[in-house]
Amino acid sequence: VVVLEQLGRSCVPGPIVPTILAADGRITGVLDGGWVEHLDALD
């Protein structure tokens, strides 16, 4: 939470939360309501 707060302060973009949740080294995105963010960067 402390780390992510600082990333928010700098408005750092990217699928940061799903990748942390996956915790397997893969850049992870979420398909939500038919939309997916940062598709070109995802594993």
PDB file of all heavy atoms in Angstrom:
ATOM      1  N   VAL A   1       0.830  -1.207   0.000  1.00  0.00           N
ATOM      2  CA  VAL A   1       0.000   0.000   0.000  1.00  0.00           C
ATOM      3  C   VAL A   1       0.863   1.256   0.000  1.00  0.00           C
ATOM      4  O   VAL A   1       0.583   2.225  -0.725  1.00  0.00           O
ATOM      5  CB  VAL A   1      -0.940  -0.027   1.224  1.00  0.00           C
ATOM      6  CG1 VAL A   1      -1.468   1.361   1.545  1.00  0.00           C
ATOM      7  CG2 VAL A   1      -2.108  -0.990   0.981  1.00  0.00           C
ATOM      8  N   VAL A   2       1.919   1.259   0.778  1.00  0.00           N
ATOM      9  CA  VAL A   2       2.797   2.427   0.866  1.00  0.00           C
ATOM     10  C   VAL A   2       3.491   2.676  -0.475  1.00  0.00           C
ATOM     11  O   VAL A   2       3.587   3.821  -0.946  1.00  0.00           O
ATOM     12  CB  VAL A   2       3.832   2.239   1.986  1.00  0.00           C
ATOM     13  CG1 VAL A   2       4.824   3.394   2.008  1.00  0.00           C
ATOM     14  CG2 VAL A   2       3.146   2.117   3.339  1.00  0.00           C
ATOM     15  N   VAL A   3       3.959   1.611  -1.109  1.00  0.00           N
ATOM     16  CA  VAL A   3       4.626   1.739  -2.403  1.00  0.00           C
ATOM     17  C   VAL A   3       3.652   2.268  -3.459  1.00  0.00           C
ATOM     18  O   VAL A   3       3.966   3.186  -4.228  1.00  0.00           O
ATOM     19  CB  VAL A   3       5.211   0.387  -2.852  1.00  0.00           C
ATOM     20  CG1 VAL A   3       5.758   0.480  -4.270  1.00  0.00           C
ATOM     21  CG2 VAL A   3       6.306  -0.064  -1.891  1.00  0.00           C
ATOM     22  N   LEU A   4       2.468   1.697  -3.494  1.00  0.00           N
ATOM     23  CA  LEU A   4       1.492   2.081  -4.507  1.00  0.00           C
ATOM     24  C   LEU A   4       1.005   3.517  -4.312  1.00  0.00           C
ATOM     25  O   LEU A   4       0.710   4.214  -5.288  1.00  0.00           O
ATOM     26  CB  LEU A   4       0.316   1.107  -4.484  1.00  0.00           C
ATOM     27  CG  LEU A   4       0.650  -0.279  -5.032  1.00  0.00           C
ATOM     28  CD1 LEU A   4      -0.396  -1.300  -4.620  1.00  0.00           C
ATOM     29  CD2 LEU A   4       0.777  -0.235  -6.546  1.00  0.00           C
ATOM     30  N   GLU A   5       0.943   3.957  -3.088  1.00  0.00           N
ATOM     31  CA  GLU A   5       0.573   5.354  -2.845  1.00  0.00           C
ATOM     32  C   GLU A   5       1.575   6.292  -3.509  1.00  0.00           C
ATOM     33  O   GLU A   5       1.199   7.299  -4.130  1.00  0.00           O
ATOM     34  CB  GLU A   5       0.501   5.632  -1.343  1.00  0.00           C
ATOM     35  CG  GLU A   5       0.122   7.074  -1.024  1.00  0.00           C
ATOM     36  CD  GLU A   5       0.152   7.381   0.466  1.00  0.00           C
ATOM     37  OE1 GLU A   5       0.225   6.437   1.277  1.00  0.00           O
ATOM     38  OE2 GLU A   5       0.093   8.574   0.819  1.00  0.00           O
ATOM     39  N   GLN A   6       2.853   5.975  -3.390  1.00  0.00           N
ATOM     40  CA  GLN A   6       3.881   6.821  -3.998  1.00  0.00           C
ATOM     41  C   GLN A   6       3.826   6.766  -5.524  1.00  0.00           C
ATOM     42  O   GLN A   6       4.067   7.781  -6.197  1.00  0.00           O
ATOM     43  CB  GLN A   6       5.268   6.401  -3.496  1.00  0.00           C
ATOM     44  CG  GLN A   6       5.473   6.596  -2.007  1.00  0.00           C
ATOM     45  CD  GLN A   6       5.152   8.013  -1.571  1.00  0.00           C
ATOM     46  OE1 GLN A   6       5.624   8.988  -2.164  1.00  0.00           O
ATOM     47  NE2 GLN A   6       4.334   8.147  -0.532  1.00  0.00           N
ATOM     48  N   LEU A   7       3.504   5.606  -6.079  1.00  0.00           N
ATOM     49  CA  LEU A   7       3.337   5.513  -7.527  1.00  0.00           C
ATOM     50  C   LEU A   7       2.147   6.366  -7.976  1.00  0.00           C
ATOM     51  O   LEU A   7       2.185   6.991  -9.039  1.00  0.00           O
ATOM     52  CB  LEU A   7       3.128   4.059  -7.946  1.00  0.00           C
ATOM     53  CG  LEU A   7       4.323   3.122  -7.738  1.00  0.00           C
ATOM     54  CD1 LEU A   7       3.951   1.697  -8.124  1.00  0.00           C
ATOM     55  CD2 LEU A   7       5.528   3.584  -8.552  1.00  0.00           C
ATOM     56  N   GLY A   8       1.098   6.394  -7.158  1.00  0.00           N
ATOM     57  CA  GLY A   8      -0.038   7.244  -7.463  1.00  0.00           C
ATOM     58  C   GLY A   8       0.324   8.716  -7.425  1.00  0.00           C
ATOM     59  O   GLY A   8      -0.132   9.507  -8.260  1.00  0.00           O
ATOM     60  N   ARG A   9       1.142   9.112  -6.483  1.00  0.00           N
ATOM     61  CA  ARG A   9       1.576  10.508  -6.395  1.00  0.00           C
ATOM     62  C   ARG A   9       2.277  10.950  -7.667  1.00  0.00           C
ATOM     63  O   ARG A   9       2.199  12.118  -8.056  1.00  0.00           O
ATOM     64  CB  ARG A   9       2.510  10.697  -5.200  1.00  0.00           C
ATOM     65  CG  ARG A   9       1.822  10.867  -3.860  1.00  0.00           C
ATOM     66  CD  ARG A   9       2.838  11.041  -2.741  1.00  0.00           C
ATOM     67  NE  ARG A   9       3.827  12.065  -3.068  1.00  0.00           N
ATOM     68  CZ  ARG A   9       3.651  13.369  -2.911  1.00  0.00           C
ATOM     69  NH1 ARG A   9       2.503  13.833  -2.447  1.00  0.00           N
ATOM     70  NH2 ARG A   9       4.598  14.224  -3.230  1.00  0.00           N
ATOM     71  N   SER A  10       2.978  10.028  -8.303  1.00  0.00           N
ATOM     72  CA  SER A  10       3.684  10.347  -9.551  1.00  0.00           C
ATOM     73  C   SER A  10       2.867  10.016 -10.788  1.00  0.00           C
ATOM     74  O   SER A  10       3.358  10.149 -11.905  1.00  0.00           O
ATOM     75  CB  SER A  10       5.025   9.595  -9.604  1.00  0.00           C
ATOM     76  OG  SER A  10       5.880   9.991  -8.549  1.00  0.00           O
ATOM     77  N   CYS A  11       1.633   9.555 -10.583  1.00  0.00           N
ATOM     78  CA  CYS A  11       0.722   9.228 -11.685  1.00  0.00           C
ATOM     79  C   CYS A  11       1.359   8.217 -12.644  1.00  0.00           C
ATOM     80  O   CYS A  11       1.217   8.325 -13.866  1.00  0.00           O
ATOM     81  CB  CYS A  11       0.331  10.499 -12.436  1.00  0.00           C
ATOM     82  SG  CYS A  11      -1.306  10.432 -13.213  1.00  0.00           S
ATOM     83  N   VAL A  12       2.069   7.245 -12.075  1.00  0.00           N
ATOM     84  CA  VAL A  12       2.739   6.228 -12.890  1.00  0.00           C
ATOM     85  C   VAL A  12       1.683   5.350 -13.558  1.00  0.00           C
ATOM     86  O   VAL A  12       0.814   4.805 -12.887  1.00  0.00           O
ATOM     87  CB  VAL A  12       3.682   5.367 -12.027  1.00  0.00           C
ATOM     88  CG1 VAL A  12       4.286   4.237 -12.858  1.00  0.00           C
ATOM     89  CG2 VAL A  12       4.777   6.240 -11.418  1.00  0.00           C
ATOM     90  N   PRO A  13       1.740   5.194 -14.881  1.00  0.00           N
ATOM     91  CA  PRO A  13       0.721   4.405 -15.579  1.00  0.00           C
ATOM     92  C   PRO A  13       1.083   2.931 -15.638  1.00  0.00           C
ATOM     93  O   PRO A  13       2.194   2.528 -15.262  1.00  0.00           O
ATOM     94  CB  PRO A  13       0.737   5.019 -16.980  1.00  0.00           C
ATOM     95  CG  PRO A  13       2.175   5.389 -17.180  1.00  0.00           C
ATOM     96  CD  PRO A  13       2.678   5.834 -15.815  1.00  0.00           C
ATOM     97  N   GLY A  14       0.150   2.143 -16.129  1.00  0.00           N
ATOM     98  CA  GLY A  14       0.423   0.734 -16.383  1.00  0.00           C
ATOM     99  C   GLY A  14      -0.445  -0.213 -15.587  1.00  0.00           C
ATOM    100  O   GLY A  14      -1.098   0.185 -14.617  1.00  0.00           O
ATOM    101  N   PRO A  15      -0.449  -1.488 -15.982  1.00  0.00           N
ATOM    102  CA  PRO A  15      -1.227  -2.518 -15.257  1.00  0.00           C
ATOM    103  C   PRO A  15      -0.490  -2.974 -14.007  1.00  0.00           C
ATOM    104  O   PRO A  15      -0.150  -4.159 -13.846  1.00  0.00           O
ATOM    105  CB  PRO A  15      -1.333  -3.643 -16.296  1.00  0.00           C
ATOM    106  CG  PRO A  15      -0.075  -3.517 -17.091  1.00  0.00           C
ATOM    107  CD  PRO A  15       0.218  -2.042 -17.174  1.00  0.00           C
ATOM    108  N   ILE A  16      -0.226  -2.033 -13.123  1.00  0.00           N
ATOM    109  CA  ILE A  16       0.620  -2.295 -11.959  1.00  0.00           C
ATOM    110  C   ILE A  16      -0.074  -3.223 -10.972  1.00  0.00           C
ATOM    111  O   ILE A  16       0.518  -4.206 -10.500  1.00  0.00           O
ATOM    112  CB  ILE A  16       1.007  -0.970 -11.281  1.00  0.00           C
ATOM    113  CG1 ILE A  16       1.817  -0.103 -12.247  1.00  0.00           C
ATOM    114  CG2 ILE A  16       1.795  -1.222 -10.009  1.00  0.00           C
ATOM    115  CD1 ILE A  16       2.052   1.304 -11.747  1.00  0.00           C
ATOM    116  N   VAL A  17      -1.320  -2.926 -10.641  1.00  0.00           N
ATOM    117  CA  VAL A  17      -2.014  -3.719  -9.625  1.00  0.00           C
ATOM    118  C   VAL A  17      -2.204  -5.170 -10.055  1.00  0.00           C
ATOM    119  O   VAL A  17      -1.863  -6.086  -9.296  1.00  0.00           O
ATOM    120  CB  VAL A  17      -3.353  -3.061  -9.250  1.00  0.00           C
ATOM    121  CG1 VAL A  17      -4.183  -3.985  -8.362  1.00  0.00           C
ATOM    122  CG2 VAL A  17      -3.113  -1.733  -8.546  1.00  0.00           C
ATOM    123  N   PRO A  18      -2.729  -5.460 -11.265  1.00  0.00           N
ATOM    124  CA  PRO A  18      -2.874  -6.864 -11.660  1.00  0.00           C
ATOM    125  C   PRO A  18      -1.550  -7.620 -11.694  1.00  0.00           C
ATOM    126  O   PRO A  18      -1.502  -8.799 -11.355  1.00  0.00           O
ATOM    127  CB  PRO A  18      -3.501  -6.783 -13.056  1.00  0.00           C
ATOM    128  CG  PRO A  18      -4.128  -5.454 -13.127  1.00  0.00           C
ATOM    129  CD  PRO A  18      -3.296  -4.554 -12.277  1.00  0.00           C
ATOM    130  N   THR A  19      -0.482  -6.942 -12.077  1.00  0.00           N
ATOM    131  CA  THR A  19       0.824  -7.605 -12.135  1.00  0.00           C
ATOM    132  C   THR A  19       1.325  -7.946 -10.744  1.00  0.00           C
ATOM    133  O   THR A  19       1.909  -9.015 -10.515  1.00  0.00           O
ATOM    134  CB  THR A  19       1.830  -6.712 -12.879  1.00  0.00           C
ATOM    135  OG1 THR A  19       1.341  -6.427 -14.196  1.00  0.00           O
ATOM    136  CG2 THR A  19       3.185  -7.405 -12.995  1.00  0.00           C
ATOM    137  N   ILE A  20       1.080  -7.059  -9.778  1.00  0.00           N
ATOM    138  CA  ILE A  20       1.448  -7.355  -8.389  1.00  0.00           C
ATOM    139  C   ILE A  20       0.603  -8.508  -7.860  1.00  0.00           C
ATOM    140  O   ILE A  20       1.110  -9.399  -7.169  1.00  0.00           O
ATOM    141  CB  ILE A  20       1.291  -6.108  -7.514  1.00  0.00           C
ATOM    142  CG1 ILE A  20       2.349  -5.062  -7.866  1.00  0.00           C
ATOM    143  CG2 ILE A  20       1.389  -6.465  -6.029  1.00  0.00           C
ATOM    144  CD1 ILE A  20       2.194  -3.750  -7.122  1.00  0.00           C
ATOM    145  N   LEU A  21      -0.676  -8.515  -8.198  1.00  0.00           N
ATOM    146  CA  LEU A  21      -1.553  -9.582  -7.725  1.00  0.00           C
ATOM    147  C   LEU A  21      -1.140 -10.931  -8.297  1.00  0.00           C
ATOM    148  O   LEU A  21      -1.180 -11.949  -7.595  1.00  0.00           O
ATOM    149  CB  LEU A  21      -3.005  -9.287  -8.127  1.00  0.00           C
ATOM    150  CG  LEU A  21      -3.658  -8.045  -7.516  1.00  0.00           C
ATOM    151  CD1 LEU A  21      -5.070  -7.879  -8.057  1.00  0.00           C
ATOM    152  CD2 LEU A  21      -3.684  -8.142  -6.000  1.00  0.00           C
ATOM    153  N   ALA A  22      -0.742 -10.947  -9.564  1.00  0.00           N
ATOM    154  CA  ALA A  22      -0.329 -12.209 -10.193  1.00  0.00           C
ATOM    155  C   ALA A  22       0.939 -12.754  -9.554  1.00  0.00           C
ATOM    156  O   ALA A  22       1.081 -13.965  -9.349  1.00  0.00           O
ATOM    157  CB  ALA A  22      -0.138 -12.013 -11.686  1.00  0.00           C
ATOM    158  N   ALA A  23       1.888 -11.861  -9.252  1.00  0.00           N
ATOM    159  CA  ALA A  23       3.124 -12.220  -8.534  1.00  0.00           C
ATOM    160  C   ALA A  23       3.875 -13.373  -9.185  1.00  0.00           C
ATOM    161  O   ALA A  23       4.460 -14.208  -8.501  1.00  0.00           O
ATOM    162  CB  ALA A  23       2.801 -12.561  -7.069  1.00  0.00           C
ATOM    163  N   ASP A  24       3.869 -13.416 -10.528  1.00  0.00           N
ATOM    164  CA  ASP A  24       4.603 -14.492 -11.207  1.00  0.00           C
ATOM    165  C   ASP A  24       5.570 -13.983 -12.274  1.00  0.00           C
ATOM    166  O   ASP A  24       6.047 -14.746 -13.119  1.00  0.00           O
ATOM    167  CB  ASP A  24       3.615 -15.479 -11.834  1.00  0.00           C
ATOM    168  CG  ASP A  24       2.677 -14.819 -12.825  1.00  0.00           C
ATOM    169  OD1 ASP A  24       2.891 -13.634 -13.169  1.00  0.00           O
ATOM    170  OD2 ASP A  24       1.710 -15.470 -13.269  1.00  0.00           O
ATOM    171  N   GLY A  25       5.827 -12.677 -12.240  1.00  0.00           N
ATOM    172  CA  GLY A  25       6.779 -12.107 -13.175  1.00  0.00           C
ATOM    173  C   GLY A  25       6.195 -11.717 -14.521  1.00  0.00           C
ATOM    174  O   GLY A  25       6.884 -11.082 -15.330  1.00  0.00           O
ATOM    175  N   ARG A  26       4.939 -12.067 -14.781  1.00  0.00           N
ATOM    176  CA  ARG A  26       4.316 -11.719 -16.054  1.00  0.00           C
ATOM    177  C   ARG A  26       3.549 -10.400 -15.931  1.00  0.00           C
ATOM    178  O   ARG A  26       2.900 -10.151 -14.920  1.00  0.00           O
ATOM    179  CB  ARG A  26       3.356 -12.828 -16.506  1.00  0.00           C
ATOM    180  CG  ARG A  26       4.024 -14.162 -16.777  1.00  0.00           C
ATOM    181  CD  ARG A  26       2.995 -15.197 -17.239  1.00  0.00           C
ATOM    182  NE  ARG A  26       1.993 -15.475 -16.210  1.00  0.00           N
ATOM    183  CZ  ARG A  26       0.941 -16.281 -16.400  1.00  0.00           C
ATOM    184  NH1 ARG A  26       0.759 -16.856 -17.591  1.00  0.00           N
ATOM    185  NH2 ARG A  26       0.078 -16.494 -15.424  1.00  0.00           N
ATOM    186  N   ILE A  27       3.647  -9.573 -16.961  1.00  0.00           N
ATOM    187  CA  ILE A  27       2.870  -8.340 -16.987  1.00  0.00           C
ATOM    188  C   ILE A  27       1.420  -8.724 -17.253  1.00  0.00           C
ATOM    189  O   ILE A  27       1.101  -9.279 -18.307  1.00  0.00           O
ATOM    190  CB  ILE A  27       3.382  -7.375 -18.069  1.00  0.00           C
ATOM    191  CG1 ILE A  27       4.874  -7.123 -17.881  1.00  0.00           C
ATOM    192  CG2 ILE A  27       2.604  -6.061 -18.005  1.00  0.00           C
ATOM    193  CD1 ILE A  27       5.254  -6.541 -16.542  1.00  0.00           C
ATOM    194  N   THR A  28       0.562  -8.439 -16.298  1.00  0.00           N
ATOM    195  CA  THR A  28      -0.797  -8.968 -16.293  1.00  0.00           C
ATOM    196  C   THR A  28      -1.822  -7.858 -16.419  1.00  0.00           C
ATOM    197  O   THR A  28      -1.732  -6.828 -15.745  1.00  0.00           O
ATOM    198  CB  THR A  28      -1.049  -9.752 -14.995  1.00  0.00           C
ATOM    199  OG1 THR A  28      -0.065 -10.784 -14.879  1.00  0.00           O
ATOM    200  CG2 THR A  28      -2.435 -10.379 -14.992  1.00  0.00           C
ATOM    201  N   GLY A  29      -2.807  -8.099 -17.271  1.00  0.00           N
ATOM    202  CA  GLY A  29      -3.922  -7.177 -17.405  1.00  0.00           C
ATOM    203  C   GLY A  29      -5.223  -7.858 -17.042  1.00  0.00           C
ATOM    204  O   GLY A  29      -5.270  -9.073 -16.841  1.00  0.00           O
ATOM    205  N   VAL A  30      -6.290  -7.086 -16.980  1.00  0.00           N
ATOM    206  CA  VAL A  30      -7.600  -7.605 -16.602  1.00  0.00           C
ATOM    207  C   VAL A  30      -8.611  -7.249 -17.682  1.00  0.00           C
ATOM    208  O   VAL A  30      -8.677  -6.087 -18.114  1.00  0.00           O
ATOM    209  CB  VAL A  30      -8.061  -7.039 -15.248  1.00  0.00           C
ATOM    210  CG1 VAL A  30      -9.470  -7.505 -14.915  1.00  0.00           C
ATOM    211  CG2 VAL A  30      -7.090  -7.438 -14.145  1.00  0.00           C
ATOM    212  N   LEU A  31      -9.378  -8.235 -18.111  1.00  0.00           N
ATOM    213  CA  LEU A  31     -10.488  -7.998 -19.032  1.00  0.00           C
ATOM    214  C   LEU A  31     -11.708  -7.665 -18.190  1.00  0.00           C
ATOM    215  O   LEU A  31     -12.212  -8.502 -17.442  1.00  0.00           O
ATOM    216  CB  LEU A  31     -10.750  -9.228 -19.894  1.00  0.00           C
ATOM    217  CG  LEU A  31     -11.904  -9.123 -20.898  1.00  0.00           C
ATOM    218  CD1 LEU A  31     -11.655  -7.997 -21.881  1.00  0.00           C
ATOM    219  CD2 LEU A  31     -12.103 -10.445 -21.621  1.00  0.00           C
ATOM    220  N   ASP A  32     -12.174  -6.427 -18.292  1.00  0.00           N
ATOM    221  CA  ASP A  32     -13.272  -5.956 -17.445  1.00  0.00           C
ATOM    222  C   ASP A  32     -14.327  -5.284 -18.319  1.00  0.00           C
ATOM    223  O   ASP A  32     -14.067  -4.240 -18.929  1.00  0.00           O
ATOM    224  CB  ASP A  32     -12.735  -4.961 -16.409  1.00  0.00           C
ATOM    225  CG  ASP A  32     -13.796  -4.501 -15.432  1.00  0.00           C
ATOM    226  OD1 ASP A  32     -14.884  -5.099 -15.410  1.00  0.00           O
ATOM    227  OD2 ASP A  32     -13.532  -3.542 -14.692  1.00  0.00           O
ATOM    228  N   GLY A  33     -15.502  -5.895 -18.380  1.00  0.00           N
ATOM    229  CA  GLY A  33     -16.581  -5.309 -19.155  1.00  0.00           C
ATOM    230  C   GLY A  33     -16.283  -5.205 -20.638  1.00  0.00           C
ATOM    231  O   GLY A  33     -16.806  -4.314 -21.310  1.00  0.00           O
ATOM    232  N   GLY A  34     -15.459  -6.089 -21.142  1.00  0.00           N
ATOM    233  CA  GLY A  34     -15.122  -6.068 -22.556  1.00  0.00           C
ATOM    234  C   GLY A  34     -13.977  -5.150 -22.923  1.00  0.00           C
ATOM    235  O   GLY A  34     -13.637  -5.006 -24.106  1.00  0.00           O
ATOM    236  N   TRP A  35     -13.361  -4.534 -21.916  1.00  0.00           N
ATOM    237  CA  TRP A  35     -12.239  -3.622 -22.161  1.00  0.00           C
ATOM    238  C   TRP A  35     -10.984  -4.149 -21.472  1.00  0.00           C
ATOM    239  O   TRP A  35     -11.052  -4.745 -20.394  1.00  0.00           O
ATOM    240  CB  TRP A  35     -12.543  -2.224 -21.627  1.00  0.00           C
ATOM    241  CG  TRP A  35     -13.659  -1.531 -22.330  1.00  0.00           C
ATOM    242  CD1 TRP A  35     -14.978  -1.558 -21.996  1.00  0.00           C
ATOM    243  CD2 TRP A  35     -13.568  -0.713 -23.488  1.00  0.00           C
ATOM    244  NE1 TRP A  35     -15.712  -0.807 -22.865  1.00  0.00           N
ATOM    245  CE2 TRP A  35     -14.875  -0.274 -23.800  1.00  0.00           C
ATOM    246  CE3 TRP A  35     -12.510  -0.306 -24.300  1.00  0.00           C
ATOM    247  CZ2 TRP A  35     -15.153   0.559 -24.886  1.00  0.00           C
ATOM    248  CZ3 TRP A  35     -12.775   0.515 -25.379  1.00  0.00           C
ATOM    249  CH2 TRP A  35     -14.077   0.943 -25.671  1.00  0.00           C
ATOM    250  N   VAL A  36      -9.841  -3.899 -22.068  1.00  0.00           N
ATOM    251  CA  VAL A  36      -8.569  -4.261 -21.456  1.00  0.00           C
ATOM    252  C   VAL A  36      -7.590  -3.114 -21.672  1.00  0.00           C
ATOM    253  O   VAL A  36      -7.562  -2.490 -22.742  1.00  0.00           O
ATOM    254  CB  VAL A  36      -8.005  -5.581 -22.044  1.00  0.00           C
ATOM    255  CG1 VAL A  36      -7.732  -5.454 -23.533  1.00  0.00           C
ATOM    256  CG2 VAL A  36      -6.751  -6.021 -21.299  1.00  0.00           C
ATOM    257  N   GLU A  37      -6.824  -2.798 -20.651  1.00  0.00           N
ATOM    258  CA  GLU A  37      -5.885  -1.679 -20.706  1.00  0.00           C
ATOM    259  C   GLU A  37      -4.468  -2.162 -20.996  1.00  0.00           C
ATOM    260  O   GLU A  37      -4.086  -3.264 -20.615  1.00  0.00           O
ATOM    261  CB  GLU A  37      -5.907  -0.922 -19.378  1.00  0.00           C
ATOM    262  CG  GLU A  37      -7.267  -0.326 -19.030  1.00  0.00           C
ATOM    263  CD  GLU A  37      -7.302   0.269 -17.633  1.00  0.00           C
ATOM    264  OE1 GLU A  37      -6.287   0.153 -16.909  1.00  0.00           O
ATOM    265  OE2 GLU A  37      -8.351   0.836 -17.258  1.00  0.00           O
ATOM    266  N   HIS A  38      -3.695  -1.324 -21.685  1.00  0.00           N
ATOM    267  CA  HIS A  38      -2.277  -1.586 -21.973  1.00  0.00           C
ATOM    268  C   HIS A  38      -2.081  -2.945 -22.661  1.00  0.00           C
ATOM    269  O   HIS A  38      -1.148  -3.684 -22.353  1.00  0.00           O
ATOM    270  CB  HIS A  38      -1.444  -1.535 -20.685  1.00  0.00           C
ATOM    271  CG  HIS A  38      -1.470  -0.205 -20.002  1.00  0.00           C
ATOM    272  ND1 HIS A  38      -0.687   0.848 -20.392  1.00  0.00           N
ATOM    273  CD2 HIS A  38      -2.205   0.232 -18.946  1.00  0.00           C
ATOM    274  CE1 HIS A  38      -0.915   1.889 -19.603  1.00  0.00           C
ATOM    275  NE2 HIS A  38      -1.846   1.541 -18.729  1.00  0.00           N
ATOM    276  N   LEU A  39      -2.949  -3.258 -23.603  1.00  0.00           N
ATOM    277  CA  LEU A  39      -2.926  -4.579 -24.224  1.00  0.00           C
ATOM    278  C   LEU A  39      -1.571  -4.915 -24.837  1.00  0.00           C
ATOM    279  O   LEU A  39      -1.077  -6.039 -24.710  1.00  0.00           O
ATOM    280  CB  LEU A  39      -4.023  -4.665 -25.291  1.00  0.00           C
ATOM    281  CG  LEU A  39      -4.165  -6.002 -26.008  1.00  0.00           C
ATOM    282  CD1 LEU A  39      -4.538  -7.102 -25.018  1.00  0.00           C
ATOM    283  CD2 LEU A  39      -5.223  -5.912 -27.112  1.00  0.00           C
ATOM    284  N   ASP A  40      -0.951  -3.958 -25.491  1.00  0.00           N
ATOM    285  CA  ASP A  40       0.313  -4.225 -26.185  1.00  0.00           C
ATOM    286  C   ASP A  40       1.454  -4.557 -25.235  1.00  0.00           C
ATOM    287  O   ASP A  40       2.467  -5.128 -25.654  1.00  0.00           O
ATOM    288  CB  ASP A  40       0.703  -3.022 -27.043  1.00  0.00           C
ATOM    289  CG  ASP A  40      -0.241  -2.813 -28.224  1.00  0.00           C
ATOM    290  OD1 ASP A  40      -0.955  -3.775 -28.569  1.00  0.00           O
ATOM    291  OD2 ASP A  40      -0.259  -1.698 -28.777  1.00  0.00           O
ATOM    292  N   ALA A  41       1.310  -4.201 -23.960  1.00  0.00           N
ATOM    293  CA  ALA A  41       2.391  -4.433 -22.997  1.00  0.00           C
ATOM    294  C   ALA A  41       2.207  -5.716 -22.197  1.00  0.00           C
ATOM    295  O   ALA A  41       3.093  -6.096 -21.428  1.00  0.00           O
ATOM    296  CB  ALA A  41       2.483  -3.253 -22.031  1.00  0.00           C
ATOM    297  N   LEU A  42       1.081  -6.420 -22.393  1.00  0.00           N
ATOM    298  CA  LEU A  42       0.736  -7.535 -21.523  1.00  0.00           C
ATOM    299  C   LEU A  42       1.334  -8.868 -21.972  1.00  0.00           C
ATOM    300  O   LEU A  42       1.490  -9.127 -23.161  1.00  0.00           O
ATOM    301  CB  LEU A  42      -0.787  -7.680 -21.444  1.00  0.00           C
ATOM    302  CG  LEU A  42      -1.576  -6.469 -20.957  1.00  0.00           C
ATOM    303  CD1 LEU A  42      -3.063  -6.772 -20.949  1.00  0.00           C
ATOM    304  CD2 LEU A  42      -1.100  -6.037 -19.571  1.00  0.00           C
ATOM    305  N   ASP A  43       1.615  -9.696 -20.972  1.00  0.00           N
ATOM    306  CA  ASP A  43       1.990 -11.094 -21.214  1.00  0.00           C
ATOM    307  C   ASP A  43       0.790 -12.014 -21.069  1.00  0.00           C
ATOM    308  O   ASP A  43       0.733 -13.083 -21.684  1.00  0.00           O
ATOM    309  CB  ASP A  43       3.076 -11.535 -20.224  1.00  0.00           C
ATOM    310  CG  ASP A  43       4.363 -10.746 -20.369  1.00  0.00           C
ATOM    311  OD1 ASP A  43       4.741 -10.435 -21.508  1.00  0.00           O
ATOM    312  OD2 ASP A  43       4.983 -10.425 -19.334  1.00  0.00           O
TER     313      ASP A  43
END
